[in-house]
Protein backbone atom coordinates (compact mmCIF):
# COMPACT_ATOMS: atom_id res chain seq x y z
CA MET A 1 -78.86 -36.83 -11.10
CA TRP A 2 -79.06 -35.77 -7.48
CA SER A 3 -76.77 -38.57 -6.57
CA THR A 4 -74.13 -37.31 -8.98
CA PHE A 5 -74.38 -33.66 -7.83
CA PHE A 6 -74.54 -34.31 -4.09
CA LEU A 7 -72.04 -36.99 -3.24
CA HIS A 8 -72.47 -36.94 0.52
CA GLU A 9 -74.73 -35.45 3.09
CA GLU A 10 -73.55 -34.35 6.49
CA ASN A 11 -75.98 -33.17 9.17
CA GLY A 12 -78.75 -33.01 6.63
CA ARG A 13 -76.88 -30.64 4.27
CA PRO A 14 -75.75 -31.68 0.79
CA ILE A 15 -72.01 -31.46 0.08
CA PRO A 16 -71.10 -30.51 -3.48
CA PRO A 17 -68.26 -32.28 -5.26
CA GLY A 18 -64.73 -30.93 -4.69
CA VAL A 19 -65.35 -30.19 -1.02
CA GLY A 20 -63.27 -32.25 1.36
CA VAL A 21 -64.81 -34.09 4.22
CA GLY A 22 -63.22 -34.19 7.63
CA PRO A 23 -61.69 -31.81 10.11
CA GLY A 24 -60.01 -28.78 8.58
CA ALA A 25 -61.51 -29.43 5.15
CA GLY A 26 -62.54 -26.45 3.08
CA PRO A 27 -63.87 -25.64 -0.38
CA LEU A 28 -61.76 -26.73 -3.32
CA GLY A 29 -59.14 -28.43 -1.12
CA LEU A 30 -58.17 -25.19 0.63
CA THR A 31 -56.34 -27.08 3.34
CA GLY A 32 -54.05 -28.73 0.81
CA VAL A 33 -53.34 -25.43 -0.93
CA MET A 34 -52.51 -23.64 2.32
CA GLY A 35 -50.39 -26.59 3.37
CA GLY A 36 -48.41 -26.34 0.13
CA ARG A 37 -47.85 -22.63 0.67
CA GLY A 38 -46.68 -23.24 4.21
CA ALA A 39 -44.25 -25.86 3.01
CA GLY A 40 -42.87 -23.43 0.41
CA ALA A 41 -42.45 -20.67 2.99
CA GLY A 42 -40.71 -23.12 5.29
CA ALA A 43 -38.29 -24.08 2.54
CA MET A 44 -37.51 -20.43 1.87
CA GLY A 45 -36.90 -19.88 5.57
CA VAL A 46 -34.50 -22.82 5.66
CA LYS A 47 -32.58 -21.40 2.69
CA ARG A 48 -32.34 -17.99 4.34
CA ARG A 49 -31.09 -19.49 7.59
CA ALA A 50 -28.56 -21.57 5.66
CA LYS A 51 -27.26 -18.46 3.89
CA ALA A 52 -26.99 -16.64 7.23
CA LEU A 53 -25.05 -19.53 8.72
CA ILE A 54 -22.72 -19.62 5.73
CA SER A 55 -22.07 -15.88 5.99
CA ARG A 56 -21.32 -16.22 9.68
CA HIS A 57 -19.06 -19.23 9.27
CA PRO A 58 -15.39 -18.32 9.79
CA GLY A 59 -14.33 -20.03 6.59
CA GLY A 60 -17.00 -18.37 4.49
CA MET A 61 -16.44 -14.95 2.95
CA SER A 62 -19.19 -12.59 1.88
CA GLU A 63 -18.90 -10.10 -0.96
CA VAL A 64 -18.74 -7.23 1.51
CA GLN A 65 -15.81 -8.82 3.31
CA LYS A 66 -14.05 -9.48 0.00
CA GLY A 67 -14.46 -5.82 -0.87
CA LYS A 68 -12.86 -4.79 2.42
CA ILE A 69 -9.98 -7.20 1.84
CA LYS A 70 -9.41 -5.80 -1.65
CA LEU A 71 -9.35 -2.26 -0.25
CA ALA A 72 -6.77 -3.24 2.38
CA PHE A 73 -4.81 -5.08 -0.31
CA PHE A 74 -4.71 -1.90 -2.38
CA VAL A 75 -3.12 -0.08 0.57
CA ALA A 76 -0.48 -2.80 0.86
CA ILE A 77 0.15 -2.80 -2.90
CA VAL A 78 0.87 0.94 -2.76
CA GLY A 79 3.50 0.16 -0.13
CA VAL A 80 4.99 -2.57 -2.35
CA VAL A 81 5.20 -0.21 -5.35
CA LEU A 82 6.90 2.48 -3.25
CA THR A 83 9.35 -0.11 -1.94
CA VAL A 84 10.33 -1.24 -5.43
CA LEU A 85 10.70 2.39 -6.52
CA GLY A 86 12.93 3.20 -3.56
CA LEU A 87 15.10 0.10 -3.86
CA GLY A 88 15.61 0.51 -7.59
CA THR A 89 16.85 4.11 -7.47
CA GLU A 90 20.10 5.59 -6.16
CA TYR A 91 18.76 8.81 -4.65
CA TRP A 92 18.99 7.74 -1.02
CA VAL A 93 21.46 10.44 0.01
CA GLU A 94 22.95 13.43 -1.79
CA LEU A 95 26.47 14.68 -1.04
CA SER A 96 27.73 18.06 -2.11
CA PRO A 97 30.84 20.10 -1.22
CA PRO A 98 30.73 23.91 -1.29
CA LYS A 99 30.08 25.09 -4.84
CA ASN A 100 33.25 27.25 -4.88
CA PHE A 101 35.43 24.58 -3.25
CA TYR A 102 37.23 23.75 -6.50
CA SER A 103 37.49 27.42 -7.63
CA ASN A 104 36.13 26.52 -11.03
CA GLN A 105 33.06 27.12 -13.17
CA THR A 106 31.89 23.61 -12.33
CA CYS A 107 31.28 21.76 -9.09
CA LEU A 108 30.77 18.15 -8.11
CA ALA A 109 27.77 16.53 -6.46
CA ALA A 110 27.21 12.87 -5.63
CA HIS A 111 24.31 10.64 -4.74
CA TYR A 112 24.07 6.94 -4.01
CA GLY A 113 21.69 4.24 -2.88
CA LEU A 114 21.98 0.59 -1.98
CA TRP A 115 23.52 -0.70 -5.20
CA LYS A 116 25.47 2.08 -6.91
CA GLY A 117 26.77 5.61 -6.52
CA CYS A 118 26.93 8.47 -9.00
CA THR A 119 28.96 11.67 -9.27
CA ARG A 120 27.66 14.55 -11.33
CA THR A 121 29.48 17.58 -12.67
CA LEU A 122 27.29 20.69 -12.48
CA TRP A 123 27.71 24.25 -13.66
CA VAL A 124 28.00 26.70 -10.81
CA ALA A 125 25.82 29.14 -12.77
CA ASP A 126 22.95 26.63 -12.62
CA VAL A 127 23.12 26.35 -8.85
CA ASP A 128 20.80 28.52 -6.78
CA PRO A 129 22.74 31.64 -5.73
CA GLU A 130 21.38 31.31 -2.19
CA ARG A 131 22.66 27.74 -1.95
CA GLU A 132 26.14 27.39 -0.49
CA SER A 133 26.76 23.80 -1.58
CA CYS A 134 26.77 22.30 -5.05
CA GLY A 135 23.54 20.71 -6.14
CA PRO A 136 20.93 19.46 -6.12
CA ALA A 137 21.87 16.33 -8.01
CA GLU A 138 18.81 16.60 -10.28
CA LEU A 139 20.39 19.55 -12.14
CA PRO A 140 21.60 18.82 -15.69
CA GLY A 141 25.20 17.79 -15.93
CA GLU A 142 27.61 15.03 -16.80
CA SER A 143 27.03 11.95 -14.64
CA HIS A 144 29.24 8.95 -13.93
CA CYS A 145 27.87 5.93 -12.01
CA ASN A 146 29.48 2.78 -10.64
CA TYR A 147 28.00 -0.24 -8.89
CA PHE A 148 29.29 -0.95 -5.42
CA LYS A 149 31.72 -3.82 -5.15
CA PHE A 150 31.17 -4.74 -1.52
CA TYR A 151 28.45 -7.18 -2.65
CA THR A 152 30.89 -9.04 -4.91
CA THR A 153 34.56 -8.49 -4.05
CA GLY A 154 34.01 -6.89 -0.65
CA GLU A 155 35.69 -3.60 -1.53
CA ASN A 156 34.49 -0.35 0.00
CA ALA A 157 33.60 2.61 -2.20
CA VAL A 158 35.42 5.93 -1.97
CA ILE A 159 33.49 9.13 -2.64
CA PHE A 160 35.07 12.55 -2.01
CA GLN A 161 37.96 10.79 -0.25
CA LYS A 162 35.49 9.27 2.20
CA THR A 163 35.01 5.52 2.57
CA THR A 164 31.67 3.76 2.89
CA GLU A 165 30.93 1.36 5.74
CA LYS A 166 30.54 -2.00 4.00
CA SER A 167 28.87 -3.90 6.85
CA LEU A 168 26.17 -1.29 7.41
CA ASN A 169 25.38 -0.96 3.72
CA VAL A 170 25.10 -4.73 3.31
CA ALA A 171 22.88 -4.95 6.41
CA THR A 172 20.59 -2.27 4.95
CA ALA A 173 20.30 -4.14 1.66
CA MET A 174 19.61 -7.47 3.38
CA MET A 175 16.84 -5.95 5.50
CA ALA A 176 15.25 -4.35 2.45
CA LEU A 177 15.37 -7.58 0.44
CA SER A 178 13.96 -9.58 3.37
CA GLY A 179 11.11 -7.09 3.62
CA LEU A 180 10.46 -7.42 -0.11
CA PHE A 181 10.33 -11.21 0.24
CA LEU A 182 7.76 -10.90 3.05
CA MET A 183 5.67 -8.61 0.85
CA VAL A 184 5.56 -11.27 -1.85
CA MET A 185 4.53 -13.91 0.69
CA GLY A 186 1.79 -11.62 2.04
CA ALA A 187 0.50 -10.95 -1.47
CA ILE A 188 0.34 -14.70 -2.13
CA CYS A 189 -1.66 -15.21 1.07
CA ILE A 190 -4.17 -12.51 0.15
CA THR A 191 -4.55 -13.85 -3.39
CA THR A 192 -5.22 -17.32 -1.98
CA ALA A 193 -7.74 -15.94 0.52
CA LEU A 194 -9.69 -14.17 -2.22
CA SER A 195 -9.63 -17.09 -4.64
CA LYS A 196 -10.45 -19.81 -2.09
CA GLY A 197 -12.78 -17.71 0.05
CA GLU A 198 -10.85 -18.61 3.22
CA SER A 199 -10.24 -15.90 5.80
CA PHE A 200 -7.60 -18.09 7.49
CA PHE A 201 -4.90 -16.66 5.20
CA LEU A 202 -5.52 -13.10 6.44
CA LYS A 203 -3.56 -13.65 9.65
CA PRO A 204 -0.29 -14.80 8.05
CA ALA A 205 -0.67 -12.05 5.45
CA SER A 206 -1.03 -9.42 8.19
CA VAL A 207 2.11 -10.73 9.92
CA CYS A 208 4.07 -10.63 6.64
CA PHE A 209 3.06 -7.06 5.79
CA ILE A 210 3.63 -5.70 9.30
CA LEU A 211 7.08 -7.31 9.52
CA SER A 212 8.01 -6.05 6.06
CA GLY A 213 7.01 -2.50 7.01
CA LEU A 214 9.07 -2.69 10.19
CA LEU A 215 12.06 -3.99 8.22
CA MET A 216 11.76 -1.07 5.80
CA LEU A 217 11.80 1.46 8.62
CA LEU A 218 14.65 -0.36 10.34
CA SER A 219 16.67 -0.37 7.11
CA LEU A 220 16.35 3.43 6.97
CA THR A 221 17.76 3.68 10.48
CA VAL A 222 20.74 1.47 9.60
CA PHE A 223 21.32 3.38 6.36
CA ASN A 224 21.34 6.70 8.17
CA GLN A 225 23.95 5.29 10.54
CA SER A 226 26.04 4.17 7.57
CA VAL A 227 25.91 7.70 6.13
CA LEU A 228 27.11 9.18 9.42
CA SER A 229 29.93 6.65 9.54
CA PHE A 230 30.81 7.52 5.93
CA LEU A 231 31.00 11.23 6.70
CA ALA A 232 33.20 10.63 9.75
CA SER A 233 35.76 8.58 7.79
CA ASP A 234 37.53 11.67 6.43
CA HIS A 235 37.35 15.43 7.03
CA SER A 236 39.53 16.77 4.22
CA VAL A 237 36.56 17.65 2.04
CA PRO A 238 33.62 19.38 3.77
CA LEU A 239 30.36 17.85 2.65
CA HIS A 240 26.75 18.78 2.98
CA HIS A 241 24.46 15.73 3.00
CA GLU A 242 20.73 15.27 2.87
CA LEU A 243 18.49 12.24 2.51
CA SER A 244 16.75 12.27 -0.84
CA TRP A 245 13.41 11.16 -2.29
CA SER A 246 14.22 7.44 -2.45
CA VAL A 247 14.34 7.42 1.34
CA SER A 248 10.97 9.17 1.39
CA CYS A 249 9.55 6.38 -0.78
CA ILE A 250 10.87 3.72 1.60
CA GLY A 251 9.54 5.54 4.66
CA CYS A 252 6.07 5.94 3.14
CA ALA A 253 6.16 2.31 2.02
CA GLY A 254 6.89 1.14 5.56
CA VAL A 255 3.93 3.09 6.94
CA MET A 256 1.57 1.82 4.21
CA LEU A 257 2.66 -1.78 4.73
CA ILE A 258 2.13 -1.62 8.49
CA LEU A 259 -1.28 0.00 7.94
CA GLY A 260 -2.27 -2.70 5.45
CA GLY A 261 -1.15 -5.43 7.84
CA ILE A 262 -3.21 -3.95 10.67
CA LEU A 263 -6.27 -3.80 8.41
CA PHE A 264 -5.84 -7.46 7.49
CA LEU A 265 -5.52 -8.35 11.16
CA LEU A 266 -8.76 -6.52 11.98
CA LEU A 267 -10.56 -8.25 9.11
CA ALA A 268 -9.35 -11.63 10.37
CA LEU A 269 -11.00 -11.15 13.77
CA PRO A 270 -14.22 -13.16 14.35
CA PHE A 271 -16.01 -9.99 15.47
CA SER A 272 -16.17 -6.39 14.34
CA PRO A 273 -14.01 -4.15 16.57
CA TRP A 274 -16.05 -1.12 15.53
CA ARG A 275 -19.33 -2.76 16.64
CA ARG A 276 -17.67 -4.00 19.82
CA CYS A 277 -16.45 -0.52 20.78
CA PHE A 278 -19.44 1.43 19.40
CA PRO A 279 -22.52 -0.85 19.41
CA PRO A 280 -25.68 0.37 17.63
CA LYS A 281 -28.29 2.12 19.75
CA ASN A 282 -30.87 -0.66 19.43
CA GLU A 283 -28.33 -3.24 20.69
CA SER A 284 -27.11 -1.03 23.55
CA ASP A 285 -30.67 -0.29 24.67
CA SER A 286 -31.57 -3.97 24.72
């Protein structure tokens, strides 16, 4: 009986069953239990360090970074939508002679864009009495539109006895289409970056969006020069001209695209520019 209850005796004291013998032994195998807990904590620490290394790896992309990329992509998409709206409409410039130039109850106004031009017959009574010229072109009236032929047969268009500058108009259209192509390439790069989780594609996307924005702004400059050349081609009919809302869409699109490209470039950097310029107080004190 005593031999079954007391298995061993060390220094004259009985040792009950379940108590380990040897250095570091404790009741009920406490050393083994604590060792198991330590191993579990070590495994958790390894997992945490692995996650930290993955989040810091240049190819890895955390959810926070994906959210920032999506926000910058939204800015660029707004620029793309404005570009499509501006390119697809013909309200780049409005032309209007004096409203009493034809000594009639009606007057003529014209507006054109990159692809076609329109003339509109308006009632003089509908024109603002304080306005000297006919217009604006948004007033109700009979409209007649024609597509420009200098993209097909090379013929210049004649509006109010004035002739368009074919080379400048074609250059404007080519710049705008090249910018639109770069927008598509940038959107493909961002979509690939989000789907694959690779931040490498942010740099080419930033270059595409910045170049597309610059091309949009440059196309406005060339178009304005084409309008001035158009007005100088003939002086028999006095015309008042003003750039319309399609040009405003293209200008805003260029700014948004450049801003989106800069945001992508900042997100592609291996460090945070904000933290580099304005480090937290605990880091600056240390």
